[in-house]
Amino acid sequence: MFKILKVTGESLSPLFQAGDFVLVGMRPGFTRGLKPGDTVVFDHPVYGRLIKQVERLGEAGDEVFVIGMREDSVDSRRFGPVRKRDVLGKVLWRIARPPR
């Protein structure tokens, strides 16, 4: 299954800009193949739906540490690891916003 989502915010700028769209793959079991550098979409109980890059996998195996590209990004540096079951999908393709 696939989903197209619109990027808001600048956490992963310059890779993803506000207004870009991303194609997210959401097939069952995909989290087993996650690796550092992958970009994922997940739901956080406080911050809502976020898009971040996988920094590293947790030692427990069911956790992922995610990071934005900016120092002030809301990411695992602030809220800790993300449970794999909260990861909705992996970004497969970026659709850049039209130039203004």
C-alpha atoms as a PDB file:
ATOM      1  CA  MET A   1       0.000   0.000   0.000  1.00  0.00           C
ATOM      2  CA  PHE A   2       1.159   3.527  -0.757  1.00  0.00           C
ATOM      3  CA  LYS A   3       0.225   6.940   0.526  1.00  0.00           C
ATOM      4  CA  ILE A   4       1.099  10.436  -0.694  1.00  0.00           C
ATOM      5  CA  LEU A   5       1.724  12.960   2.077  1.00  0.00           C
ATOM      6  CA  LYS A   6       2.536  16.662   2.003  1.00  0.00           C
ATOM      7  CA  VAL A   7       5.663  17.830   3.838  1.00  0.00           C
ATOM      8  CA  THR A   8       5.232  20.688   6.293  1.00  0.00           C
ATOM      9  CA  GLY A   9       8.079  22.311   8.179  1.00  0.00           C
ATOM     10  CA  GLU A  10      11.792  22.457   7.427  1.00  0.00           C
ATOM     11  CA  SER A  11      13.182  19.711   9.695  1.00  0.00           C
ATOM     12  CA  LEU A  12      14.707  17.767   6.777  1.00  0.00           C
ATOM     13  CA  SER A  13      15.650  20.762   4.647  1.00  0.00           C
ATOM     14  CA  PRO A  14      17.299  20.778   2.114  1.00  0.00           C
ATOM     15  CA  LEU A  15      16.340  17.145   1.298  1.00  0.00           C
ATOM     16  CA  PHE A  16      12.635  17.808   1.804  1.00  0.00           C
ATOM     17  CA  GLN A  17      11.074  21.289   1.692  1.00  0.00           C
ATOM     18  CA  ALA A  18       7.729  22.452   3.029  1.00  0.00           C
ATOM     19  CA  GLY A  19       5.245  21.939   0.195  1.00  0.00           C
ATOM     20  CA  ASP A  20       6.977  18.858  -1.236  1.00  0.00           C
ATOM     21  CA  PHE A  21       5.032  15.619  -1.430  1.00  0.00           C
ATOM     22  CA  VAL A  22       6.388  12.180  -0.557  1.00  0.00           C
ATOM     23  CA  LEU A  23       5.330   8.718  -1.657  1.00  0.00           C
ATOM     24  CA  VAL A  24       5.319   6.498   1.418  1.00  0.00           C
ATOM     25  CA  GLY A  25       5.441   2.694   1.218  1.00  0.00           C
ATOM     26  CA  MET A  26       3.398   1.086   3.956  1.00  0.00           C
ATOM     27  CA  ARG A  27       3.659  -2.648   3.339  1.00  0.00           C
ATOM     28  CA  PRO A  28       3.425  -4.997   6.338  1.00  0.00           C
ATOM     29  CA  GLY A  29       6.733  -5.982   7.902  1.00  0.00           C
ATOM     30  CA  PHE A  30       8.761  -3.226   6.220  1.00  0.00           C
ATOM     31  CA  THR A  31      10.286  -2.103   9.529  1.00  0.00           C
ATOM     32  CA  ARG A  32      12.465  -5.240   9.633  1.00  0.00           C
ATOM     33  CA  GLY A  33      14.479  -3.813   6.744  1.00  0.00           C
ATOM     34  CA  LEU A  34      14.953  -0.286   8.123  1.00  0.00           C
ATOM     35  CA  LYS A  35      18.515   1.026   8.156  1.00  0.00           C
ATOM     36  CA  PRO A  36      20.279   4.281   9.016  1.00  0.00           C
ATOM     37  CA  GLY A  37      19.647   6.917   6.370  1.00  0.00           C
ATOM     38  CA  ASP A  38      16.114   5.738   5.540  1.00  0.00           C
ATOM     39  CA  THR A  39      13.431   8.410   5.792  1.00  0.00           C
ATOM     40  CA  VAL A  40      10.322   7.377   7.702  1.00  0.00           C
ATOM     41  CA  VAL A  41       6.923   8.780   8.636  1.00  0.00           C
ATOM     42  CA  PHE A  42       5.547   8.058  12.084  1.00  0.00           C
ATOM     43  CA  ASP A  43       2.941   9.237  14.560  1.00  0.00           C
ATOM     44  CA  HIS A  44       4.205  10.651  17.842  1.00  0.00           C
ATOM     45  CA  PRO A  45       1.732  10.915  20.751  1.00  0.00           C
ATOM     46  CA  VAL A  46       2.689  14.544  21.505  1.00  0.00           C
ATOM     47  CA  TYR A  47       4.026  15.983  18.229  1.00  0.00           C
ATOM     48  CA  GLY A  48       1.707  14.250  15.749  1.00  0.00           C
ATOM     49  CA  ARG A  49       2.765  12.953  12.337  1.00  0.00           C
ATOM     50  CA  LEU A  50       6.484  13.494  11.654  1.00  0.00           C
ATOM     51  CA  ILE A  51       8.967  12.750   8.877  1.00  0.00           C
ATOM     52  CA  LYS A  52      12.573  12.077   9.931  1.00  0.00           C
ATOM     53  CA  GLN A  53      15.656  10.109   8.938  1.00  0.00           C
ATOM     54  CA  VAL A  54      16.667   6.951  10.753  1.00  0.00           C
ATOM     55  CA  GLU A  55      19.853   7.708  12.671  1.00  0.00           C
ATOM     56  CA  ARG A  56      20.270   4.245  14.176  1.00  0.00           C
ATOM     57  CA  LEU A  57      18.337   1.221  15.327  1.00  0.00           C
ATOM     58  CA  GLY A  58      17.803   0.650  19.036  1.00  0.00           C
ATOM     59  CA  GLU A  59      19.618  -2.129  20.828  1.00  0.00           C
ATOM     60  CA  ALA A  60      16.299  -3.652  21.900  1.00  0.00           C
ATOM     61  CA  GLY A  61      15.411  -4.189  18.228  1.00  0.00           C
ATOM     62  CA  ASP A  62      11.956  -2.660  18.380  1.00  0.00           C
ATOM     63  CA  GLU A  63      13.136   0.948  18.516  1.00  0.00           C
ATOM     64  CA  VAL A  64      14.384   3.455  15.965  1.00  0.00           C
ATOM     65  CA  PHE A  65      16.274   6.652  16.700  1.00  0.00           C
ATOM     66  CA  VAL A  66      15.262   9.373  14.250  1.00  0.00           C
ATOM     67  CA  ILE A  67      16.809  12.738  13.499  1.00  0.00           C
ATOM     68  CA  GLY A  68      16.082  15.904  11.573  1.00  0.00           C
ATOM     69  CA  MET A  69      18.717  17.841   9.664  1.00  0.00           C
ATOM     70  CA  ARG A  70      18.511  20.951  11.816  1.00  0.00           C
ATOM     71  CA  GLU A  71      19.799  21.444  15.352  1.00  0.00           C
ATOM     72  CA  ASP A  72      16.395  22.618  16.552  1.00  0.00           C
ATOM     73  CA  SER A  73      14.493  19.686  14.989  1.00  0.00           C
ATOM     74  CA  VAL A  74      12.005  17.865  17.146  1.00  0.00           C
ATOM     75  CA  ASP A  75      13.449  14.355  16.981  1.00  0.00           C
ATOM     76  CA  SER A  76      14.928  11.564  19.125  1.00  0.00           C
ATOM     77  CA  ARG A  77      17.322  14.056  20.692  1.00  0.00           C
ATOM     78  CA  ARG A  78      14.225  15.530  22.328  1.00  0.00           C
ATOM     79  CA  PHE A  79      11.757  12.648  22.725  1.00  0.00           C
ATOM     80  CA  GLY A  80      13.911   9.503  22.599  1.00  0.00           C
ATOM     81  CA  PRO A  81      13.470   6.471  20.347  1.00  0.00           C
ATOM     82  CA  VAL A  82      10.369   5.717  18.292  1.00  0.00           C
ATOM     83  CA  ARG A  83       8.741   2.315  18.599  1.00  0.00           C
ATOM     84  CA  LYS A  84       8.791   0.475  15.273  1.00  0.00           C
ATOM     85  CA  ARG A  85       5.069  -0.175  15.582  1.00  0.00           C
ATOM     86  CA  ASP A  86       4.503   3.612  15.449  1.00  0.00           C
ATOM     87  CA  VAL A  87       6.339   3.912  12.111  1.00  0.00           C
ATOM     88  CA  LEU A  88       3.709   4.214   9.378  1.00  0.00           C
ATOM     89  CA  GLY A  89       5.980   3.820   6.391  1.00  0.00           C
ATOM     90  CA  LYS A  90       9.202   4.516   4.546  1.00  0.00           C
ATOM     91  CA  VAL A  91       9.591   7.385   2.097  1.00  0.00           C
ATOM     92  CA  LEU A  92      10.181   5.935  -1.374  1.00  0.00           C
ATOM     93  CA  TRP A  93      10.037   9.052  -3.537  1.00  0.00           C
ATOM     94  CA  ARG A  94      10.069  12.843  -3.214  1.00  0.00           C
ATOM     95  CA  ILE A  95       7.836  14.964  -5.407  1.00  0.00           C
ATOM     96  CA  ALA A  96       9.300  18.477  -5.283  1.00  0.00           C
ATOM     97  CA  ARG A  97       6.985  21.421  -4.897  1.00  0.00           C
ATOM     98  CA  PRO A  98       6.644  23.553  -7.990  1.00  0.00           C
ATOM     99  CA  PRO A  99       9.024  26.525  -8.084  1.00  0.00           C
ATOM    100  CA  ARG A 100       7.517  29.846  -7.090  1.00  0.00           C
END
